[in-house]
PDB file of N, CA and C in Angstrom:
ATOM      1  N   MET A   1       0.834  -1.166  -0.002  1.00  0.00           N
ATOM      2  CA  MET A   1       0.004  -0.002   0.006  1.00  0.00           C
ATOM      3  C   MET A   1       0.888   1.249  -0.001  1.00  0.00           C
ATOM      4  N   LYS A   2       0.627   2.172  -0.890  1.00  0.00           N
ATOM      5  CA  LYS A   2       1.385   3.414  -0.984  1.00  0.00           C
ATOM      6  C   LYS A   2       0.838   4.433   0.009  1.00  0.00           C
ATOM      7  N   HIS A   3       1.755   5.098   0.673  1.00  0.00           N
ATOM      8  CA  HIS A   3       1.371   6.174   1.591  1.00  0.00           C
ATOM      9  C   HIS A   3       1.683   7.502   0.911  1.00  0.00           C
ATOM     10  N   SER A   4       0.932   8.496   1.261  1.00  0.00           N
ATOM     11  CA  SER A   4       1.164   9.812   0.663  1.00  0.00           C
ATOM     12  C   SER A   4       2.511  10.364   1.131  1.00  0.00           C
ATOM     13  N   VAL A   5       3.029  11.267   0.326  1.00  0.00           N
ATOM     14  CA  VAL A   5       4.283  11.916   0.668  1.00  0.00           C
ATOM     15  C   VAL A   5       4.135  12.681   1.984  1.00  0.00           C
ATOM     16  N   LEU A   6       2.986  13.306   2.193  1.00  0.00           N
ATOM     17  CA  LEU A   6       2.748  14.044   3.431  1.00  0.00           C
ATOM     18  C   LEU A   6       2.764  13.117   4.647  1.00  0.00           C
ATOM     19  N   THR A   7       2.095  11.975   4.534  1.00  0.00           N
ATOM     20  CA  THR A   7       2.080  11.000   5.633  1.00  0.00           C
ATOM     21  C   THR A   7       3.466  10.525   5.978  1.00  0.00           C
ATOM     22  N   MET A   8       4.254  10.167   4.976  1.00  0.00           N
ATOM     23  CA  MET A   8       5.599   9.670   5.225  1.00  0.00           C
ATOM     24  C   MET A   8       6.499  10.782   5.778  1.00  0.00           C
ATOM     25  N   SER A   9       6.300  12.009   5.318  1.00  0.00           N
ATOM     26  CA  SER A   9       7.060  13.129   5.861  1.00  0.00           C
ATOM     27  C   SER A   9       6.738  13.344   7.332  1.00  0.00           C
ATOM     28  N   LEU A  10       5.470  13.318   7.675  1.00  0.00           N
ATOM     29  CA  LEU A  10       5.071  13.478   9.078  1.00  0.00           C
ATOM     30  C   LEU A  10       5.620  12.325   9.927  1.00  0.00           C
ATOM     31  N   LEU A  11       5.629  11.148   9.386  1.00  0.00           N
ATOM     32  CA  LEU A  11       6.204  10.000  10.093  1.00  0.00           C
ATOM     33  C   LEU A  11       7.699  10.224  10.332  1.00  0.00           C
ATOM     34  N   ARG A  12       8.414  10.640   9.300  1.00  0.00           N
ATOM     35  CA  ARG A  12       9.839  10.904   9.436  1.00  0.00           C
ATOM     36  C   ARG A  12      10.110  12.014  10.433  1.00  0.00           C
ATOM     37  N   TYR A  13       9.335  13.112  10.378  1.00  0.00           N
ATOM     38  CA  TYR A  13       9.538  14.222  11.301  1.00  0.00           C
ATOM     39  C   TYR A  13       9.285  13.794  12.748  1.00  0.00           C
ATOM     40  N   SER A  14       8.246  13.004  12.954  1.00  0.00           N
ATOM     41  CA  SER A  14       7.897  12.549  14.305  1.00  0.00           C
ATOM     42  C   SER A  14       8.973  11.654  14.874  1.00  0.00           C
ATOM     43  N   ILE A  15       9.428  10.692  14.071  1.00  0.00           N
ATOM     44  CA  ILE A  15      10.470   9.782  14.545  1.00  0.00           C
ATOM     45  C   ILE A  15      11.759  10.554  14.803  1.00  0.00           C
ATOM     46  N   SER A  16      12.099  11.456  13.902  1.00  0.00           N
ATOM     47  CA  SER A  16      13.318  12.267  14.078  1.00  0.00           C
ATOM     48  C   SER A  16      13.249  13.064  15.368  1.00  0.00           C
ATOM     49  N   TYR A  17      12.128  13.703  15.607  1.00  0.00           N
ATOM     50  CA  TYR A  17      11.951  14.505  16.808  1.00  0.00           C
ATOM     51  C   TYR A  17      12.206  13.676  18.058  1.00  0.00           C
ATOM     52  N   VAL A  18      11.586  12.511  18.127  1.00  0.00           N
ATOM     53  CA  VAL A  18      11.722  11.659  19.316  1.00  0.00           C
ATOM     54  C   VAL A  18      13.182  11.273  19.538  1.00  0.00           C
ATOM     55  N   PHE A  19      13.870  10.833  18.497  1.00  0.00           N
ATOM     56  CA  PHE A  19      15.232  10.335  18.717  1.00  0.00           C
ATOM     57  C   PHE A  19      16.256  11.451  18.873  1.00  0.00           C
ATOM     58  N   ILE A  20      16.084  12.564  18.200  1.00  0.00           N
ATOM     59  CA  ILE A  20      17.025  13.668  18.395  1.00  0.00           C
ATOM     60  C   ILE A  20      16.908  14.219  19.814  1.00  0.00           C
ATOM     61  N   VAL A  21      15.700  14.437  20.270  1.00  0.00           N
ATOM     62  CA  VAL A  21      15.489  14.927  21.637  1.00  0.00           C
ATOM     63  C   VAL A  21      15.978  13.909  22.659  1.00  0.00           C
ATOM     64  N   SER A  22      15.676  12.642  22.437  1.00  0.00           N
ATOM     65  CA  SER A  22      16.115  11.583  23.355  1.00  0.00           C
ATOM     66  C   SER A  22      17.630  11.522  23.431  1.00  0.00           C
ATOM     67  N   GLY A  23      18.284  11.642  22.284  1.00  0.00           N
ATOM     68  CA  GLY A  23      19.755  11.623  22.278  1.00  0.00           C
ATOM     69  C   GLY A  23      20.340  12.786  23.047  1.00  0.00           C
ATOM     70  N   PHE A  24      19.812  13.993  22.823  1.00  0.00           N
ATOM     71  CA  PHE A  24      20.329  15.152  23.526  1.00  0.00           C
ATOM     72  C   PHE A  24      20.048  15.071  25.034  1.00  0.00           C
ATOM     73  N   MET A  25      18.894  14.549  25.404  1.00  0.00           N
ATOM     74  CA  MET A  25      18.573  14.422  26.829  1.00  0.00           C
ATOM     75  C   MET A  25      19.533  13.439  27.528  1.00  0.00           C
ATOM     76  N   LYS A  26      19.972  12.398  26.834  1.00  0.00           N
ATOM     77  CA  LYS A  26      20.929  11.478  27.431  1.00  0.00           C
ATOM     78  C   LYS A  26      22.245  12.200  27.711  1.00  0.00           C
ATOM     79  N   LEU A  27      22.573  13.210  26.915  1.00  0.00           N
ATOM     80  CA  LEU A  27      23.827  13.937  27.073  1.00  0.00           C
ATOM     81  C   LEU A  27      23.743  15.020  28.126  1.00  0.00           C
ATOM     82  N   ILE A  28      22.552  15.600  28.358  1.00  0.00           N
ATOM     83  CA  ILE A  28      22.483  16.743  29.256  1.00  0.00           C
ATOM     84  C   ILE A  28      21.755  16.494  30.575  1.00  0.00           C
ATOM     85  N   SER A  29      21.035  15.407  30.704  1.00  0.00           N
ATOM     86  CA  SER A  29      20.245  15.147  31.909  1.00  0.00           C
ATOM     87  C   SER A  29      20.976  14.172  32.848  1.00  0.00           C
ATOM     88  N   ALA A  30      21.278  14.671  34.046  1.00  0.00           N
ATOM     89  CA  ALA A  30      21.920  13.818  35.030  1.00  0.00           C
ATOM     90  C   ALA A  30      20.994  12.694  35.463  1.00  0.00           C
ATOM     91  N   GLU A  31      19.701  12.966  35.532  1.00  0.00           N
ATOM     92  CA  GLU A  31      18.716  11.941  35.929  1.00  0.00           C
ATOM     93  C   GLU A  31      18.707  10.771  34.937  1.00  0.00           C
ATOM     94  N   ILE A  32      18.695  11.089  33.660  1.00  0.00           N
ATOM     95  CA  ILE A  32      18.715  10.034  32.641  1.00  0.00           C
ATOM     96  C   ILE A  32      20.056   9.305  32.694  1.00  0.00           C
ATOM     97  N   GLY A  33      21.134  10.051  32.889  1.00  0.00           N
ATOM     98  CA  GLY A  33      22.446   9.435  33.012  1.00  0.00           C
ATOM     99  C   GLY A  33      22.505   8.442  34.152  1.00  0.00           C
ATOM    100  N   ASN A  34      21.957   8.817  35.291  1.00  0.00           N
ATOM    101  CA  ASN A  34      21.938   7.922  36.456  1.00  0.00           C
ATOM    102  C   ASN A  34      21.084   6.690  36.178  1.00  0.00           C
ATOM    103  N   ALA A  35      19.949   6.872  35.519  1.00  0.00           N
ATOM    104  CA  ALA A  35      19.099   5.725  35.187  1.00  0.00           C
ATOM    105  C   ALA A  35      19.846   4.771  34.252  1.00  0.00           C
ATOM    106  N   PHE A  36      20.578   5.316  33.302  1.00  0.00           N
ATOM    107  CA  PHE A  36      21.344   4.501  32.373  1.00  0.00           C
ATOM    108  C   PHE A  36      22.425   3.725  33.105  1.00  0.00           C
ATOM    109  N   VAL A  37      23.119   4.385  34.027  1.00  0.00           N
ATOM    110  CA  VAL A  37      24.183   3.731  34.818  1.00  0.00           C
ATOM    111  C   VAL A  37      23.611   2.615  35.666  1.00  0.00           C
ATOM    112  N   ASN A  38      22.397   2.806  36.176  1.00  0.00           N
ATOM    113  CA  ASN A  38      21.771   1.809  37.056  1.00  0.00           C
ATOM    114  C   ASN A  38      21.228   0.583  36.309  1.00  0.00           C
ATOM    115  N   LEU A  39      21.330   0.568  35.011  1.00  0.00           N
ATOM    116  CA  LEU A  39      20.871  -0.600  34.244  1.00  0.00           C
ATOM    117  C   LEU A  39      21.820  -1.794  34.414  1.00  0.00           C
ATOM    118  N   GLY A  40      23.016  -1.543  34.899  1.00  0.00           N
ATOM    119  CA  GLY A  40      23.959  -2.628  35.120  1.00  0.00           C
ATOM    120  C   GLY A  40      24.735  -3.054  33.884  1.00  0.00           C
ATOM    121  N   LEU A  41      24.790  -2.216  32.886  1.00  0.00           N
ATOM    122  CA  LEU A  41      25.510  -2.536  31.653  1.00  0.00           C
ATOM    123  C   LEU A  41      26.992  -2.240  31.830  1.00  0.00           C
ATOM    124  N   PRO A  42      27.842  -2.919  31.071  1.00  0.00           N
ATOM    125  CA  PRO A  42      29.274  -2.622  31.146  1.00  0.00           C
ATOM    126  C   PRO A  42      29.548  -1.259  30.516  1.00  0.00           C
ATOM    127  N   TYR A  43      30.486  -0.533  31.074  1.00  0.00           N
ATOM    128  CA  TYR A  43      30.871   0.801  30.569  1.00  0.00           C
ATOM    129  C   TYR A  43      29.633   1.664  30.322  1.00  0.00           C
ATOM    130  N   PRO A  44      28.828   1.881  31.342  1.00  0.00           N
ATOM    131  CA  PRO A  44      27.526   2.541  31.113  1.00  0.00           C
ATOM    132  C   PRO A  44      27.631   3.951  30.575  1.00  0.00           C
ATOM    133  N   GLU A  45      28.592   4.737  31.015  1.00  0.00           N
ATOM    134  CA  GLU A  45      28.693   6.115  30.521  1.00  0.00           C
ATOM    135  C   GLU A  45      29.107   6.147  29.046  1.00  0.00           C
ATOM    136  N   LEU A  46      30.069   5.307  28.691  1.00  0.00           N
ATOM    137  CA  LEU A  46      30.490   5.235  27.279  1.00  0.00           C
ATOM    138  C   LEU A  46      29.322   4.740  26.417  1.00  0.00           C
ATOM    139  N   LEU A  47      28.656   3.714  26.875  1.00  0.00           N
ATOM    140  CA  LEU A  47      27.526   3.174  26.133  1.00  0.00           C
ATOM    141  C   LEU A  47      26.408   4.181  25.974  1.00  0.00           C
ATOM    142  N   MET A  48      26.152   4.949  27.033  1.00  0.00           N
ATOM    143  CA  MET A  48      25.113   5.980  26.980  1.00  0.00           C
ATOM    144  C   MET A  48      25.477   7.032  25.918  1.00  0.00           C
ATOM    145  N   HIS A  49      26.739   7.416  25.874  1.00  0.00           N
ATOM    146  CA  HIS A  49      27.162   8.400  24.874  1.00  0.00           C
ATOM    147  C   HIS A  49      27.053   7.831  23.447  1.00  0.00           C
ATOM    148  N   VAL A  50      27.422   6.599  23.278  1.00  0.00           N
ATOM    149  CA  VAL A  50      27.305   5.952  21.950  1.00  0.00           C
ATOM    150  C   VAL A  50      25.836   5.919  21.526  1.00  0.00           C
ATOM    151  N   VAL A  51      24.952   5.492  22.426  1.00  0.00           N
ATOM    152  CA  VAL A  51      23.517   5.441  22.116  1.00  0.00           C
ATOM    153  C   VAL A  51      23.000   6.843  21.815  1.00  0.00           C
ATOM    154  N   ALA A  52      23.381   7.821  22.616  1.00  0.00           N
ATOM    155  CA  ALA A  52      22.924   9.205  22.402  1.00  0.00           C
ATOM    156  C   ALA A  52      23.348   9.709  21.028  1.00  0.00           C
ATOM    157  N   PHE A  53      24.620   9.524  20.664  1.00  0.00           N
ATOM    158  CA  PHE A  53      25.083   9.998  19.369  1.00  0.00           C
ATOM    159  C   PHE A  53      24.422   9.233  18.226  1.00  0.00           C
ATOM    160  N   LEU A  54      24.197   7.933  18.401  1.00  0.00           N
ATOM    161  CA  LEU A  54      23.487   7.164  17.380  1.00  0.00           C
ATOM    162  C   LEU A  54      22.068   7.707  17.194  1.00  0.00           C
ATOM    163  N   GLU A  55      21.390   7.987  18.293  1.00  0.00           N
ATOM    164  CA  GLU A  55      20.034   8.515  18.197  1.00  0.00           C
ATOM    165  C   GLU A  55      20.006   9.860  17.474  1.00  0.00           C
ATOM    166  N   ILE A  56      20.952  10.726  17.799  1.00  0.00           N
ATOM    167  CA  ILE A  56      20.991  12.046  17.171  1.00  0.00           C
ATOM    168  C   ILE A  56      21.340  11.924  15.671  1.00  0.00           C
ATOM    169  N   ILE A  57      22.373  11.170  15.373  1.00  0.00           N
ATOM    170  CA  ILE A  57      22.812  11.047  13.964  1.00  0.00           C
ATOM    171  C   ILE A  57      21.738  10.370  13.130  1.00  0.00           C
ATOM    172  N   CYS A  58      21.198   9.265  13.612  1.00  0.00           N
ATOM    173  CA  CYS A  58      20.144   8.559  12.853  1.00  0.00           C
ATOM    174  C   CYS A  58      18.887   9.415  12.748  1.00  0.00           C
ATOM    175  N   GLY A  59      18.556  10.153  13.804  1.00  0.00           N
ATOM    176  CA  GLY A  59      17.403  11.050  13.763  1.00  0.00           C
ATOM    177  C   GLY A  59      17.577  12.137  12.727  1.00  0.00           C
ATOM    178  N   VAL A  60      18.776  12.688  12.613  1.00  0.00           N
ATOM    179  CA  VAL A  60      19.032  13.733  11.612  1.00  0.00           C
ATOM    180  C   VAL A  60      18.977  13.128  10.201  1.00  0.00           C
ATOM    181  N   LEU A  61      19.535  11.950  10.023  1.00  0.00           N
ATOM    182  CA  LEU A  61      19.490  11.281   8.722  1.00  0.00           C
ATOM    183  C   LEU A  61      18.043  11.038   8.288  1.00  0.00           C
ATOM    184  N   ILE A  62      17.216  10.603   9.229  1.00  0.00           N
ATOM    185  CA  ILE A  62      15.815  10.371   8.918  1.00  0.00           C
ATOM    186  C   ILE A  62      15.103  11.680   8.622  1.00  0.00           C
ATOM    187  N   LEU A  63      15.403  12.707   9.396  1.00  0.00           N
ATOM    188  CA  LEU A  63      14.793  14.013   9.209  1.00  0.00           C
ATOM    189  C   LEU A  63      15.015  14.526   7.790  1.00  0.00           C
ATOM    190  N   PHE A  64      16.239  14.390   7.294  1.00  0.00           N
ATOM    191  CA  PHE A  64      16.569  14.888   5.958  1.00  0.00           C
ATOM    192  C   PHE A  64      16.429  13.814   4.867  1.00  0.00           C
ATOM    193  N   ASN A  65      15.856  12.668   5.248  1.00  0.00           N
ATOM    194  CA  ASN A  65      15.612  11.569   4.317  1.00  0.00           C
ATOM    195  C   ASN A  65      16.870  11.134   3.589  1.00  0.00           C
ATOM    196  N   ARG A  66      17.971  11.061   4.319  1.00  0.00           N
ATOM    197  CA  ARG A  66      19.249  10.596   3.793  1.00  0.00           C
ATOM    198  C   ARG A  66      19.571   9.259   4.439  1.00  0.00           C
ATOM    199  N   SER A  67      19.652   8.225   3.659  1.00  0.00           N
ATOM    200  CA  SER A  67      19.924   6.879   4.169  1.00  0.00           C
ATOM    201  C   SER A  67      18.966   6.511   5.293  1.00  0.00           C
ATOM    202  N   ALA A  68      17.704   6.931   5.141  1.00  0.00           N
ATOM    203  CA  ALA A  68      16.708   6.690   6.196  1.00  0.00           C
ATOM    204  C   ALA A  68      16.545   5.215   6.501  1.00  0.00           C
ATOM    205  N   LYS A  69      16.542   4.380   5.478  1.00  0.00           N
ATOM    206  CA  LYS A  69      16.362   2.942   5.683  1.00  0.00           C
ATOM    207  C   LYS A  69      17.502   2.386   6.528  1.00  0.00           C
ATOM    208  N   SER A  70      18.707   2.806   6.246  1.00  0.00           N
ATOM    209  CA  SER A  70      19.869   2.344   7.038  1.00  0.00           C
ATOM    210  C   SER A  70      19.854   2.935   8.436  1.00  0.00           C
ATOM    211  N   ALA A  71      19.394   4.183   8.573  1.00  0.00           N
ATOM    212  CA  ALA A  71      19.375   4.840   9.879  1.00  0.00           C
ATOM    213  C   ALA A  71      18.356   4.221  10.819  1.00  0.00           C
ATOM    214  N   VAL A  72      17.313   3.617  10.266  1.00  0.00           N
ATOM    215  CA  VAL A  72      16.272   3.008  11.090  1.00  0.00           C
ATOM    216  C   VAL A  72      16.774   1.761  11.797  1.00  0.00           C
ATOM    217  N   ILE A  73      17.684   1.029  11.190  1.00  0.00           N
ATOM    218  CA  ILE A  73      18.131  -0.255  11.729  1.00  0.00           C
ATOM    219  C   ILE A  73      18.735  -0.129  13.133  1.00  0.00           C
ATOM    220  N   PRO A  74      19.708   0.763  13.373  1.00  0.00           N
ATOM    221  CA  PRO A  74      20.201   0.860  14.759  1.00  0.00           C
ATOM    222  C   PRO A  74      19.153   1.361  15.737  1.00  0.00           C
ATOM    223  N   LEU A  75      18.225   2.179  15.271  1.00  0.00           N
ATOM    224  CA  LEU A  75      17.171   2.663  16.164  1.00  0.00           C
ATOM    225  C   LEU A  75      16.216   1.539  16.566  1.00  0.00           C
ATOM    226  N   ILE A  76      15.959   0.621  15.656  1.00  0.00           N
ATOM    227  CA  ILE A  76      15.133  -0.556  16.005  1.00  0.00           C
ATOM    228  C   ILE A  76      15.865  -1.368  17.085  1.00  0.00           C
ATOM    229  N   GLY A  77      17.163  -1.539  16.924  1.00  0.00           N
ATOM    230  CA  GLY A  77      17.944  -2.252  17.930  1.00  0.00           C
ATOM    231  C   GLY A  77      17.916  -1.553  19.274  1.00  0.00           C
ATOM    232  N   ILE A  78      18.020  -0.237  19.263  1.00  0.00           N
ATOM    233  CA  ILE A  78      17.962   0.532  20.512  1.00  0.00           C
ATOM    234  C   ILE A  78      16.610   0.381  21.175  1.00  0.00           C
ATOM    235  N   MET A  79      15.529   0.433  20.384  1.00  0.00           N
ATOM    236  CA  MET A  79      14.189   0.300  20.963  1.00  0.00           C
ATOM    237  C   MET A  79      13.937  -1.079  21.534  1.00  0.00           C
ATOM    238  N   ILE A  80      14.372  -2.115  20.834  1.00  0.00           N
ATOM    239  CA  ILE A  80      14.190  -3.482  21.358  1.00  0.00           C
ATOM    240  C   ILE A  80      14.972  -3.651  22.654  1.00  0.00           C
ATOM    241  N   THR A  81      16.200  -3.147  22.680  1.00  0.00           N
ATOM    242  CA  THR A  81      17.020  -3.233  23.889  1.00  0.00           C
ATOM    243  C   THR A  81      16.378  -2.442  25.023  1.00  0.00           C
ATOM    244  N   ALA A  82      15.867  -1.252  24.727  1.00  0.00           N
ATOM    245  CA  ALA A  82      15.217  -0.443  25.766  1.00  0.00           C
ATOM    246  C   ALA A  82      14.006  -1.149  26.346  1.00  0.00           C
ATOM    247  N   ILE A  83      13.212  -1.786  25.499  1.00  0.00           N
ATOM    248  CA  ILE A  83      12.053  -2.529  26.003  1.00  0.00           C
ATOM    249  C   ILE A  83      12.493  -3.673  26.904  1.00  0.00           C
ATOM    250  N   ILE A  84      13.505  -4.409  26.489  1.00  0.00           N
ATOM    251  CA  ILE A  84      13.982  -5.546  27.260  1.00  0.00           C
ATOM    252  C   ILE A  84      14.560  -5.089  28.615  1.00  0.00           C
ATOM    253  N   LEU A  85      15.395  -4.044  28.597  1.00  0.00           N
ATOM    254  CA  LEU A  85      16.075  -3.627  29.819  1.00  0.00           C
ATOM    255  C   LEU A  85      15.210  -2.798  30.760  1.00  0.00           C
ATOM    256  N   THR A  86      14.343  -1.948  30.211  1.00  0.00           N
ATOM    257  CA  THR A  86      13.636  -1.014  31.085  1.00  0.00           C
ATOM    258  C   THR A  86      12.167  -1.337  31.260  1.00  0.00           C
ATOM    259  N   LYS A  87      11.571  -2.092  30.362  1.00  0.00           N
ATOM    260  CA  LYS A  87      10.130  -2.354  30.471  1.00  0.00           C
ATOM    261  C   LYS A  87       9.811  -3.771  30.902  1.00  0.00           C
ATOM    262  N   MET A  88      10.622  -4.736  30.492  1.00  0.00           N
ATOM    263  CA  MET A  88      10.353  -6.144  30.831  1.00  0.00           C
ATOM    264  C   MET A  88      10.282  -6.398  32.346  1.00  0.00           C
ATOM    265  N   PRO A  89      11.069  -5.684  33.174  1.00  0.00           N
ATOM    266  CA  PRO A  89      10.930  -5.902  34.620  1.00  0.00           C
ATOM    267  C   PRO A  89       9.515  -5.656  35.136  1.00  0.00           C
ATOM    268  N   ALA A  90       8.733  -4.844  34.449  1.00  0.00           N
ATOM    269  CA  ALA A  90       7.352  -4.585  34.880  1.00  0.00           C
ATOM    270  C   ALA A  90       6.487  -5.830  34.758  1.00  0.00           C
ATOM    271  N   LEU A  91       6.948  -6.827  33.992  1.00  0.00           N
ATOM    272  CA  LEU A  91       6.180  -8.082  33.897  1.00  0.00           C
ATOM    273  C   LEU A  91       6.045  -8.778  35.235  1.00  0.00           C
ATOM    274  N   ASP A  92       6.967  -8.488  36.160  1.00  0.00           N
ATOM    275  CA  ASP A  92       6.866  -9.064  37.503  1.00  0.00           C
ATOM    276  C   ASP A  92       5.567  -8.643  38.207  1.00  0.00           C
ATOM    277  N   SER A  93       5.043  -7.494  37.807  1.00  0.00           N
ATOM    278  CA  SER A  93       3.797  -7.006  38.393  1.00  0.00           C
ATOM    279  C   SER A  93       2.562  -7.396  37.582  1.00  0.00           C
ATOM    280  N   GLY A  94       2.762  -8.079  36.453  1.00  0.00           N
ATOM    281  CA  GLY A  94       1.674  -8.504  35.611  1.00  0.00           C
ATOM    282  C   GLY A  94       1.793  -7.914  34.206  1.00  0.00           C
ATOM    283  N   PHE A  95       0.946  -8.421  33.320  1.00  0.00           N
ATOM    284  CA  PHE A  95       1.023  -7.990  31.927  1.00  0.00           C
ATOM    285  C   PHE A  95       0.579  -6.545  31.730  1.00  0.00           C
ATOM    286  N   MET A  96      -0.488  -6.131  32.399  1.00  0.00           N
ATOM    287  CA  MET A  96      -1.009  -4.775  32.166  1.00  0.00           C
ATOM    288  C   MET A  96      -0.020  -3.675  32.617  1.00  0.00           C
ATOM    289  N   PRO A  97       0.671  -3.825  33.737  1.00  0.00           N
ATOM    290  CA  PRO A  97       1.704  -2.808  34.054  1.00  0.00           C
ATOM    291  C   PRO A  97       2.813  -2.763  32.997  1.00  0.00           C
ATOM    292  N   PHE A  98       3.208  -3.942  32.510  1.00  0.00           N
ATOM    293  CA  PHE A  98       4.194  -3.984  31.417  1.00  0.00           C
ATOM    294  C   PHE A  98       3.657  -3.297  30.176  1.00  0.00           C
ATOM    295  N   ALA A  99       2.434  -3.634  29.778  1.00  0.00           N
ATOM    296  CA  ALA A  99       1.827  -3.068  28.583  1.00  0.00           C
ATOM    297  C   ALA A  99       1.729  -1.552  28.677  1.00  0.00           C
ATOM    298  N   PHE A 100       1.388  -1.077  29.857  1.00  0.00           N
ATOM    299  CA  PHE A 100       1.288   0.381  30.064  1.00  0.00           C
ATOM    300  C   PHE A 100       2.657   1.031  29.975  1.00  0.00           C
ATOM    301  N   ASP A 101       3.637   0.458  30.661  1.00  0.00           N
ATOM    302  CA  ASP A 101       4.989   1.043  30.663  1.00  0.00           C
ATOM    303  C   ASP A 101       5.623   1.030  29.275  1.00  0.00           C
ATOM    304  N   ALA A 102       5.324   0.017  28.472  1.00  0.00           N
ATOM    305  CA  ALA A 102       5.972  -0.158  27.184  1.00  0.00           C
ATOM    306  C   ALA A 102       5.192   0.432  26.013  1.00  0.00           C
ATOM    307  N   ARG A 103       4.049   1.039  26.267  1.00  0.00           N
ATOM    308  CA  ARG A 103       3.164   1.446  25.185  1.00  0.00           C
ATOM    309  C   ARG A 103       3.813   2.387  24.194  1.00  0.00           C
ATOM    310  N   LEU A 104       4.527   3.393  24.630  1.00  0.00           N
ATOM    311  CA  LEU A 104       5.127   4.341  23.704  1.00  0.00           C
ATOM    312  C   LEU A 104       6.338   3.738  23.001  1.00  0.00           C
ATOM    313  N   ASP A 105       7.062   2.889  23.702  1.00  0.00           N
ATOM    314  CA  ASP A 105       8.197   2.209  23.055  1.00  0.00           C
ATOM    315  C   ASP A 105       7.699   1.296  21.931  1.00  0.00           C
ATOM    316  N   VAL A 106       6.612   0.606  22.171  1.00  0.00           N
ATOM    317  CA  VAL A 106       6.049  -0.273  21.152  1.00  0.00           C
ATOM    318  C   VAL A 106       5.568   0.535  19.961  1.00  0.00           C
ATOM    319  N   ILE A 107       4.937   1.678  20.220  1.00  0.00           N
ATOM    320  CA  ILE A 107       4.487   2.550  19.125  1.00  0.00           C
ATOM    321  C   ILE A 107       5.684   3.016  18.297  1.00  0.00           C
ATOM    322  N   MET A 108       6.758   3.439  18.941  1.00  0.00           N
ATOM    323  CA  MET A 108       7.944   3.883  18.210  1.00  0.00           C
ATOM    324  C   MET A 108       8.540   2.745  17.391  1.00  0.00           C
ATOM    325  N   LEU A 109       8.551   1.569  17.950  1.00  0.00           N
ATOM    326  CA  LEU A 109       9.080   0.399  17.250  1.00  0.00           C
ATOM    327  C   LEU A 109       8.244   0.098  15.992  1.00  0.00           C
ATOM    328  N   VAL A 110       6.929   0.173  16.110  1.00  0.00           N
ATOM    329  CA  VAL A 110       6.052  -0.038  14.956  1.00  0.00           C
ATOM    330  C   VAL A 110       6.289   1.036  13.893  1.00  0.00           C
ATOM    331  N   LEU A 111       6.385   2.284  14.335  1.00  0.00           N
ATOM    332  CA  LEU A 111       6.647   3.378  13.392  1.00  0.00           C
ATOM    333  C   LEU A 111       7.987   3.215  12.680  1.00  0.00           C
ATOM    334  N   LEU A 112       8.981   2.739  13.389  1.00  0.00           N
ATOM    335  CA  LEU A 112      10.288   2.485  12.769  1.00  0.00           C
ATOM    336  C   LEU A 112      10.172   1.384  11.716  1.00  0.00           C
ATOM    337  N   PHE A 113       9.421   0.319  12.008  1.00  0.00           N
ATOM    338  CA  PHE A 113       9.232  -0.738  11.027  1.00  0.00           C
ATOM    339  C   PHE A 113       8.485  -0.224   9.789  1.00  0.00           C
ATOM    340  N   ILE A 114       7.485   0.616  10.001  1.00  0.00           N
ATOM    341  CA  ILE A 114       6.772   1.194   8.862  1.00  0.00           C
ATOM    342  C   ILE A 114       7.711   2.046   8.007  1.00  0.00           C
ATOM    343  N   LEU A 115       8.506   2.876   8.657  1.00  0.00           N
ATOM    344  CA  LEU A 115       9.461   3.725   7.931  1.00  0.00           C
ATOM    345  C   LEU A 115      10.485   2.867   7.172  1.00  0.00           C
ATOM    346  N   TYR A 116      10.934   1.807   7.802  1.00  0.00           N
ATOM    347  CA  TYR A 116      11.891   0.910   7.145  1.00  0.00           C
ATOM    348  C   TYR A 116      11.305   0.307   5.878  1.00  0.00           C
ATOM    349  N   ARG A 117      10.072  -0.157   5.978  1.00  0.00           N
ATOM    350  CA  ARG A 117       9.410  -0.805   4.823  1.00  0.00           C
ATOM    351  C   ARG A 117       9.111   0.185   3.703  1.00  0.00           C
ATOM    352  N   GLN A 118       8.844   1.441   4.066  1.00  0.00           N
ATOM    353  CA  GLN A 118       8.456   2.415   3.059  1.00  0.00           C
ATOM    354  C   GLN A 118       9.620   3.217   2.495  1.00  0.00           C
ATOM    355  N   SER A 119      10.791   3.117   3.138  1.00  0.00           N
ATOM    356  CA  SER A 119      11.953   3.877   2.654  1.00  0.00           C
ATOM    357  C   SER A 119      12.541   3.226   1.422  1.00  0.00           C
ATOM    358  N   THR A 120      13.112   4.064   0.570  1.00  0.00           N
ATOM    359  CA  THR A 120      13.735   3.568  -0.657  1.00  0.00           C
ATOM    360  C   THR A 120      15.199   3.316  -0.471  1.00  0.00           C
TER     361      THR A 120
END
């Protein structure tokens, strides 16, 4: 099914907005930095900076429709990892708390898949 140019542009702008802002917040927010460190990952500060720069760079590429299909791939990986690390623990409280906590992450993941399939 073909989507209109306007629809795909709005999709690209929305995805870009989310990831560019998210990347910058990882770099400037001590609260987000502390949450990232508390995930128990190796080299958390380095990893946080790598993820932040990936989000910003891929977000800009998507914004300007440059290598958008390639830029979506690392963002899908980031979203899947984020769901596993930050949302899956809510399953201990039941499915509905998990579903509520993960709702926006799942939406972003779906939008990334749509953008991937529609990109040239």
